[in-house]
């Protein structure tokens, strides 16, 4: 059994090395055990300190023995601190190694997938394909330009001549309207009738009085 196997209780009879995950787990268990040992030693140190203070100069022998035990406990505690630092460093190194292994494994898997994807492709085929795409795009643009261009005689007509013709037509229309207005000025207007319109007949006095009484009666009965 190797030293690592003896330390972590891993059998190596079949010649198989422990995996990084197994080693990290064992290191964590060891850290937990040593931490509990630290707590135990700290309590013992506190007890021996109280014992030494209790006896003091009254019982020097007992006080000195307590201080000696305290000294041994403190030495063990320092050793455990150093061991924990070493184990922590080793555990972090194993965790990083395990992470790197997984990263490399995944990168290798991706590389195989990329290789499979590019198996039927090469740079010459890609260049030919891009050239075909460019050519077809240029043909499509030429077709679009040809379809959108106007055909016939429309492009040969001078726009200035059309504007001059339009102005001439507008002037002729304006002259025609002026002639019509001048021709209507000689037409005689009808004379105003000399007779006055019949006036509205006035109501008789009796009819007015009857109307006033009817209004008064209607107001009184409301």
C-alpha atoms as a PDB file:
ATOM      1  CA  UNK A   1       0.000   0.000   0.000  1.00  0.00           C
ATOM      2  CA  UNK A   2       1.375   3.421  -0.972  1.00  0.00           C
ATOM      3  CA  UNK A   3       1.955   6.246   1.468  1.00  0.00           C
ATOM      4  CA  UNK A   4      -1.101   8.051   0.125  1.00  0.00           C
ATOM      5  CA  UNK A   5      -3.145   4.883   0.581  1.00  0.00           C
ATOM      6  CA  UNK A   6      -1.902   4.444   4.134  1.00  0.00           C
ATOM      7  CA  UNK A   7      -2.680   8.054   4.983  1.00  0.00           C
ATOM      8  CA  UNK A   8      -6.189   8.072   3.489  1.00  0.00           C
ATOM      9  CA  UNK A   9      -7.075   4.401   3.913  1.00  0.00           C
ATOM     10  CA  UNK A  10      -7.165   3.706   0.149  1.00  0.00           C
ATOM     11  CA  UNK A  11      -6.203   0.215  -0.946  1.00  0.00           C
ATOM     12  CA  UNK A  12      -3.940  -0.040  -3.965  1.00  0.00           C
ATOM     13  CA  UNK A  13      -3.814  -3.820  -4.333  1.00  0.00           C
ATOM     14  CA  UNK A  14      -4.988  -3.777  -7.925  1.00  0.00           C
ATOM     15  CA  UNK A  15      -2.493  -1.064  -8.814  1.00  0.00           C
ATOM     16  CA  UNK A  16      -5.270   1.463  -9.462  1.00  0.00           C
ATOM     17  CA  UNK A  17      -4.574   5.043  -8.364  1.00  0.00           C
ATOM     18  CA  UNK A  18      -7.321   6.966  -6.569  1.00  0.00           C
ATOM     19  CA  UNK A  19      -9.261   9.446  -8.613  1.00  0.00           C
ATOM     20  CA  UNK A  20      -8.946  13.164  -7.848  1.00  0.00           C
ATOM     21  CA  UNK A  21     -12.514  13.163  -6.515  1.00  0.00           C
ATOM     22  CA  UNK A  22     -11.705  10.336  -4.077  1.00  0.00           C
ATOM     23  CA  UNK A  23      -8.540  12.058  -2.912  1.00  0.00           C
ATOM     24  CA  UNK A  24     -10.317  15.386  -2.392  1.00  0.00           C
ATOM     25  CA  UNK A  25     -13.039  13.673  -0.359  1.00  0.00           C
ATOM     26  CA  UNK A  26     -10.449  11.944   1.840  1.00  0.00           C
ATOM     27  CA  UNK A  27      -8.600  15.208   2.370  1.00  0.00           C
ATOM     28  CA  UNK A  28     -11.832  16.899   3.445  1.00  0.00           C
ATOM     29  CA  UNK A  29     -12.489  14.126   5.933  1.00  0.00           C
ATOM     30  CA  UNK A  30      -8.948  14.504   7.279  1.00  0.00           C
ATOM     31  CA  UNK A  31      -9.402  18.271   7.611  1.00  0.00           C
ATOM     32  CA  UNK A  32     -12.613  17.729   9.547  1.00  0.00           C
ATOM     33  CA  UNK A  33     -10.911  15.264  11.903  1.00  0.00           C
ATOM     34  CA  UNK A  34      -7.955  17.576  12.545  1.00  0.00           C
ATOM     35  CA  UNK A  35     -10.283  20.519  13.160  1.00  0.00           C
ATOM     36  CA  UNK A  36     -12.070  18.552  15.870  1.00  0.00           C
ATOM     37  CA  UNK A  37      -8.667  17.672  17.341  1.00  0.00           C
ATOM     38  CA  UNK A  38      -7.824  21.377  17.392  1.00  0.00           C
ATOM     39  CA  UNK A  39     -10.994  22.188  19.317  1.00  0.00           C
ATOM     40  CA  UNK A  40     -10.186  19.434  21.813  1.00  0.00           C
ATOM     41  CA  UNK A  41      -6.638  20.711  22.357  1.00  0.00           C
ATOM     42  CA  UNK A  42      -7.818  24.287  22.793  1.00  0.00           C
ATOM     43  CA  UNK A  43     -10.184  23.155  25.551  1.00  0.00           C
ATOM     44  CA  UNK A  44      -7.368  21.191  27.231  1.00  0.00           C
ATOM     45  CA  UNK A  45      -5.093  24.228  27.073  1.00  0.00           C
ATOM     46  CA  UNK A  46      -7.772  26.351  28.751  1.00  0.00           C
ATOM     47  CA  UNK A  47      -8.232  23.694  31.479  1.00  0.00           C
ATOM     48  CA  UNK A  48      -4.502  23.438  32.205  1.00  0.00           C
ATOM     49  CA  UNK A  49      -4.259  27.236  32.340  1.00  0.00           C
ATOM     50  CA  UNK A  50      -7.035  27.323  34.966  1.00  0.00           C
ATOM     51  CA  UNK A  51      -5.349  24.496  36.903  1.00  0.00           C
ATOM     52  CA  UNK A  52      -2.021  26.327  36.976  1.00  0.00           C
ATOM     53  CA  UNK A  53      -3.717  29.518  38.183  1.00  0.00           C
ATOM     54  CA  UNK A  54      -5.648  27.569  40.805  1.00  0.00           C
ATOM     55  CA  UNK A  55      -2.574  26.044  42.423  1.00  0.00           C
ATOM     56  CA  UNK A  56      -0.239  28.953  41.822  1.00  0.00           C
ATOM     57  CA  UNK A  57       2.450  29.302  44.473  1.00  0.00           C
ATOM     58  CA  UNK A  58       0.510  27.142  46.926  1.00  0.00           C
ATOM     59  CA  UNK A  59       1.208  23.949  45.035  1.00  0.00           C
ATOM     60  CA  UNK A  60       4.066  24.631  42.677  1.00  0.00           C
ATOM     61  CA  UNK A  61       4.400  20.977  41.689  1.00  0.00           C
ATOM     62  CA  UNK A  62       0.783  20.717  40.456  1.00  0.00           C
ATOM     63  CA  UNK A  63       0.998  24.130  38.787  1.00  0.00           C
ATOM     64  CA  UNK A  64       4.182  23.219  36.957  1.00  0.00           C
ATOM     65  CA  UNK A  65       2.729  19.916  35.778  1.00  0.00           C
ATOM     66  CA  UNK A  66      -0.299  21.751  34.405  1.00  0.00           C
ATOM     67  CA  UNK A  67       1.906  24.205  32.569  1.00  0.00           C
ATOM     68  CA  UNK A  68       3.966  21.333  31.098  1.00  0.00           C
ATOM     69  CA  UNK A  69       0.824  19.655  29.803  1.00  0.00           C
ATOM     70  CA  UNK A  70      -0.347  22.994  28.420  1.00  0.00           C
ATOM     71  CA  UNK A  71       2.986  23.334  26.638  1.00  0.00           C
ATOM     72  CA  UNK A  72       2.622  19.874  25.030  1.00  0.00           C
ATOM     73  CA  UNK A  73      -0.939  20.647  23.941  1.00  0.00           C
ATOM     74  CA  UNK A  74       0.177  23.923  22.398  1.00  0.00           C
ATOM     75  CA  UNK A  75       2.960  22.124  20.506  1.00  0.00           C
ATOM     76  CA  UNK A  76       0.453  19.589  19.153  1.00  0.00           C
ATOM     77  CA  UNK A  77      -1.886  22.412  18.219  1.00  0.00           C
ATOM     78  CA  UNK A  78       0.846  24.143  16.228  1.00  0.00           C
ATOM     79  CA  UNK A  79       1.652  20.882  14.458  1.00  0.00           C
ATOM     80  CA  UNK A  80      -1.986  20.411  13.538  1.00  0.00           C
ATOM     81  CA  UNK A  81      -2.108  23.975  12.202  1.00  0.00           C
ATOM     82  CA  UNK A  82       0.833  23.201   9.922  1.00  0.00           C
ATOM     83  CA  UNK A  83      -0.701  19.905   8.830  1.00  0.00           C
ATOM     84  CA  UNK A  84      -4.010  21.584   8.028  1.00  0.00           C
ATOM     85  CA  UNK A  85      -2.221  24.192   5.915  1.00  0.00           C
ATOM     86  CA  UNK A  86      -0.447  21.441   3.969  1.00  0.00           C
ATOM     87  CA  UNK A  87      -3.659  19.455   3.464  1.00  0.00           C
ATOM     88  CA  UNK A  88      -5.551  22.566   2.402  1.00  0.00           C
ATOM     89  CA  UNK A  89      -2.863  23.367  -0.170  1.00  0.00           C
ATOM     90  CA  UNK A  90      -2.911  19.778  -1.472  1.00  0.00           C
ATOM     91  CA  UNK A  91      -6.713  19.714  -1.648  1.00  0.00           C
ATOM     92  CA  UNK A  92      -6.827  22.966  -3.609  1.00  0.00           C
ATOM     93  CA  UNK A  93      -4.186  21.631  -6.000  1.00  0.00           C
ATOM     94  CA  UNK A  94      -6.216  18.447  -6.534  1.00  0.00           C
ATOM     95  CA  UNK A  95      -9.408  20.424  -7.083  1.00  0.00           C
ATOM     96  CA  UNK A  96      -7.660  22.612  -9.650  1.00  0.00           C
ATOM     97  CA  UNK A  97      -6.197  19.534 -11.340  1.00  0.00           C
ATOM     98  CA  UNK A  98      -9.632  17.927 -11.443  1.00  0.00           C
ATOM     99  CA  UNK A  99     -11.109  21.110 -12.908  1.00  0.00           C
ATOM    100  CA  UNK A 100      -8.381  21.279 -15.538  1.00  0.00           C
ATOM    101  CA  UNK A 101      -8.973  17.637 -16.399  1.00  0.00           C
ATOM    102  CA  UNK A 102     -12.686  18.224 -16.931  1.00  0.00           C
ATOM    103  CA  UNK A 103     -11.996  21.345 -18.972  1.00  0.00           C
ATOM    104  CA  UNK A 104      -9.524  19.540 -21.202  1.00  0.00           C
ATOM    105  CA  UNK A 105     -11.904  16.612 -21.576  1.00  0.00           C
ATOM    106  CA  UNK A 106     -14.713  18.920 -22.705  1.00  0.00           C
ATOM    107  CA  UNK A 107     -12.398  20.824 -25.025  1.00  0.00           C
ATOM    108  CA  UNK A 108     -11.299  17.536 -26.590  1.00  0.00           C
ATOM    109  CA  UNK A 109     -14.951  16.542 -27.031  1.00  0.00           C
ATOM    110  CA  UNK A 110     -15.680  19.866 -28.739  1.00  0.00           C
ATOM    111  CA  UNK A 111     -12.612  19.509 -30.948  1.00  0.00           C
ATOM    112  CA  UNK A 112     -13.817  16.115 -32.145  1.00  0.00           C
ATOM    113  CA  UNK A 113     -17.244  17.553 -32.913  1.00  0.00           C
ATOM    114  CA  UNK A 114     -15.686  20.429 -34.856  1.00  0.00           C
ATOM    115  CA  UNK A 115     -13.489  18.019 -36.778  1.00  0.00           C
ATOM    116  CA  UNK A 116     -16.530  15.948 -37.701  1.00  0.00           C
ATOM    117  CA  UNK A 117     -18.376  19.075 -38.817  1.00  0.00           C
ATOM    118  CA  UNK A 118     -15.478  20.119 -41.082  1.00  0.00           C
ATOM    119  CA  UNK A 119     -14.836  16.638 -42.406  1.00  0.00           C
ATOM    120  CA  UNK A 120     -16.542  17.273 -45.760  1.00  0.00           C
ATOM    121  CA  UNK A 121     -15.309  20.843 -46.090  1.00  0.00           C
ATOM    122  CA  UNK A 122     -12.028  22.404 -47.135  1.00  0.00           C
ATOM    123  CA  UNK A 123     -10.879  25.924 -47.873  1.00  0.00           C
ATOM    124  CA  UNK A 124     -11.136  25.461 -51.657  1.00  0.00           C
ATOM    125  CA  UNK A 125     -14.773  24.402 -51.402  1.00  0.00           C
ATOM    126  CA  UNK A 126     -15.545  27.333 -49.141  1.00  0.00           C
ATOM    127  CA  UNK A 127     -13.886  29.787 -51.536  1.00  0.00           C
ATOM    128  CA  UNK A 128     -15.803  28.349 -54.493  1.00  0.00           C
ATOM    129  CA  UNK A 129     -19.061  28.556 -52.556  1.00  0.00           C
ATOM    130  CA  UNK A 130     -18.476  32.178 -51.559  1.00  0.00           C
ATOM    131  CA  UNK A 131     -17.572  33.056 -55.160  1.00  0.00           C
ATOM    132  CA  UNK A 132     -20.822  31.472 -56.390  1.00  0.00           C
ATOM    133  CA  UNK A 133     -22.823  33.381 -53.791  1.00  0.00           C
ATOM    134  CA  UNK A 134     -21.190  36.672 -54.790  1.00  0.00           C
ATOM    135  CA  UNK A 135     -21.816  36.025 -58.481  1.00  0.00           C
ATOM    136  CA  UNK A 136     -25.466  35.181 -57.926  1.00  0.00           C
ATOM    137  CA  UNK A 137     -25.935  38.304 -55.809  1.00  0.00           C
ATOM    138  CA  UNK A 138     -24.484  40.449 -58.596  1.00  0.00           C
ATOM    139  CA  UNK A 139     -26.780  38.798 -61.161  1.00  0.00           C
ATOM    140  CA  UNK A 140     -29.786  39.358 -58.910  1.00  0.00           C
ATOM    141  CA  UNK A 141     -28.853  43.042 -58.529  1.00  0.00           C
ATOM    142  CA  UNK A 142     -28.513  43.461 -62.293  1.00  0.00           C
ATOM    143  CA  UNK A 143     -31.924  41.859 -62.825  1.00  0.00           C
ATOM    144  CA  UNK A 144     -33.454  44.159 -60.248  1.00  0.00           C
ATOM    145  CA  UNK A 145     -31.935  47.223 -61.900  1.00  0.00           C
ATOM    146  CA  UNK A 146     -33.145  46.109 -65.331  1.00  0.00           C
ATOM    147  CA  UNK A 147     -36.695  45.528 -64.116  1.00  0.00           C
ATOM    148  CA  UNK A 148     -36.903  48.838 -62.246  1.00  0.00           C
ATOM    149  CA  UNK A 149     -35.567  50.961 -65.171  1.00  0.00           C
ATOM    150  CA  UNK A 150     -38.311  52.732 -67.262  1.00  0.00           C
ATOM    151  CA  UNK A 151     -38.685  51.666 -70.889  1.00  0.00           C
ATOM    152  CA  UNK A 152     -40.092  53.375 -74.054  1.00  0.00           C
ATOM    153  CA  UNK A 153     -39.786  56.960 -75.169  1.00  0.00           C
ATOM    154  CA  UNK A 154     -40.264  58.493 -71.763  1.00  0.00           C
ATOM    155  CA  UNK A 155     -36.572  59.105 -71.204  1.00  0.00           C
ATOM    156  CA  UNK A 156     -36.177  60.965 -74.568  1.00  0.00           C
ATOM    157  CA  UNK A 157     -38.720  63.734 -73.774  1.00  0.00           C
ATOM    158  CA  UNK A 158     -37.284  67.097 -72.770  1.00  0.00           C
ATOM    159  CA  UNK A 159     -38.814  68.184 -69.474  1.00  0.00           C
ATOM    160  CA  UNK A 160     -38.207  71.881 -70.212  1.00  0.00           C
ATOM    161  CA  UNK A 161     -40.342  71.623 -73.371  1.00  0.00           C
ATOM    162  CA  UNK A 162     -43.150  70.038 -71.357  1.00  0.00           C
ATOM    163  CA  UNK A 163     -43.017  72.866 -68.819  1.00  0.00           C
ATOM    164  CA  UNK A 164     -43.122  75.483 -71.562  1.00  0.00           C
ATOM    165  CA  UNK A 165     -46.140  73.766 -73.131  1.00  0.00           C
ATOM    166  CA  UNK A 166     -47.887  73.663 -69.769  1.00  0.00           C
ATOM    167  CA  UNK A 167     -47.292  77.399 -69.218  1.00  0.00           C
ATOM    168  CA  UNK A 168     -48.678  78.147 -72.681  1.00  0.00           C
ATOM    169  CA  UNK A 169     -51.843  76.162 -71.924  1.00  0.00           C
ATOM    170  CA  UNK A 170     -52.310  78.030 -68.643  1.00  0.00           C
ATOM    171  CA  UNK A 171     -51.908  81.396 -70.398  1.00  0.00           C
ATOM    172  CA  UNK A 172     -54.506  80.466 -73.025  1.00  0.00           C
ATOM    173  CA  UNK A 173     -56.960  79.494 -70.293  1.00  0.00           C
ATOM    174  CA  UNK A 174     -56.354  82.795 -68.504  1.00  0.00           C
ATOM    175  CA  UNK A 175     -56.902  84.806 -71.712  1.00  0.00           C
ATOM    176  CA  UNK A 176     -60.164  82.951 -72.394  1.00  0.00           C
ATOM    177  CA  UNK A 177     -61.480  83.771 -68.930  1.00  0.00           C
ATOM    178  CA  UNK A 178     -60.650  87.460 -69.374  1.00  0.00           C
ATOM    179  CA  UNK A 179     -62.504  87.585 -72.690  1.00  0.00           C
ATOM    180  CA  UNK A 180     -65.592  86.068 -71.150  1.00  0.00           C
ATOM    181  CA  UNK A 181     -65.577  88.640 -68.351  1.00  0.00           C
ATOM    182  CA  UNK A 182     -65.226  91.576 -70.832  1.00  0.00           C
ATOM    183  CA  UNK A 183     -68.053  90.213 -73.034  1.00  0.00           C
ATOM    184  CA  UNK A 184     -70.565  90.200 -70.186  1.00  0.00           C
ATOM    185  CA  UNK A 185     -70.017  93.897 -69.386  1.00  0.00           C
ATOM    186  CA  UNK A 186     -72.227  95.035 -72.381  1.00  0.00           C
ATOM    187  CA  UNK A 187     -75.303  93.036 -71.326  1.00  0.00           C
ATOM    188  CA  UNK A 188     -77.995  95.458 -69.941  1.00  0.00           C
ATOM    189  CA  UNK A 189     -79.159  94.796 -66.423  1.00  0.00           C
ATOM    190  CA  UNK A 190     -82.955  94.615 -65.679  1.00  0.00           C
ATOM    191  CA  UNK A 191     -84.638  97.815 -64.503  1.00  0.00           C
ATOM    192  CA  UNK A 192     -85.830  98.194 -60.957  1.00  0.00           C
ATOM    193  CA  UNK A 193     -89.687  98.134 -60.812  1.00  0.00           C
ATOM    194  CA  UNK A 194     -91.216 101.588 -60.257  1.00  0.00           C
ATOM    195  CA  UNK A 195     -94.339 100.375 -58.489  1.00  0.00           C
ATOM    196  CA  UNK A 196     -94.252  99.783 -54.790  1.00  0.00           C
ATOM    197  CA  UNK A 197     -95.150  96.440 -53.286  1.00  0.00           C
ATOM    198  CA  UNK A 198     -98.553  96.162 -51.643  1.00  0.00           C
ATOM    199  CA  UNK A 199     -98.424  96.744 -47.941  1.00  0.00           C
ATOM    200  CA  UNK A 200     -99.788  94.350 -45.381  1.00  0.00           C
ATOM    201  CA  UNK A 201    -103.370  95.224 -44.450  1.00  0.00           C
ATOM    202  CA  UNK A 202    -103.705  96.612 -40.998  1.00  0.00           C
ATOM    203  CA  UNK A 203    -105.849  94.846 -38.438  1.00  0.00           C
ATOM    204  CA  UNK A 204    -109.040  96.434 -37.362  1.00  0.00           C
ATOM    205  CA  UNK A 205    -109.323  97.901 -33.888  1.00  0.00           C
ATOM    206  CA  UNK A 206    -111.843  95.327 -32.784  1.00  0.00           C
ATOM    207  CA  UNK A 207    -109.723  92.403 -33.916  1.00  0.00           C
ATOM    208  CA  UNK A 208    -106.718  93.780 -32.024  1.00  0.00           C
ATOM    209  CA  UNK A 209    -108.768  94.122 -28.850  1.00  0.00           C
ATOM    210  CA  UNK A 210    -110.001  90.536 -29.144  1.00  0.00           C
ATOM    211  CA  UNK A 211    -106.470  89.275 -29.575  1.00  0.00           C
ATOM    212  CA  UNK A 212    -105.315  91.155 -26.482  1.00  0.00           C
ATOM    213  CA  UNK A 213    -108.167  89.692 -24.392  1.00  0.00           C
ATOM    214  CA  UNK A 214    -107.332  86.156 -25.586  1.00  0.00           C
ATOM    215  CA  UNK A 215    -103.721  86.576 -24.618  1.00  0.00           C
ATOM    216  CA  UNK A 216    -104.679  87.902 -21.205  1.00  0.00           C
ATOM    217  CA  UNK A 217    -107.050  85.018 -20.619  1.00  0.00           C
ATOM    218  CA  UNK A 218    -104.422  82.443 -21.595  1.00  0.00           C
ATOM    219  CA  UNK A 219    -101.902  83.994 -19.195  1.00  0.00           C
ATOM    220  CA  UNK A 220    -104.406  84.037 -16.326  1.00  0.00           C
ATOM    221  CA  UNK A 221    -105.432  80.400 -16.709  1.00  0.00           C
ATOM    222  CA  UNK A 222    -101.835  79.012 -16.746  1.00  0.00           C
END
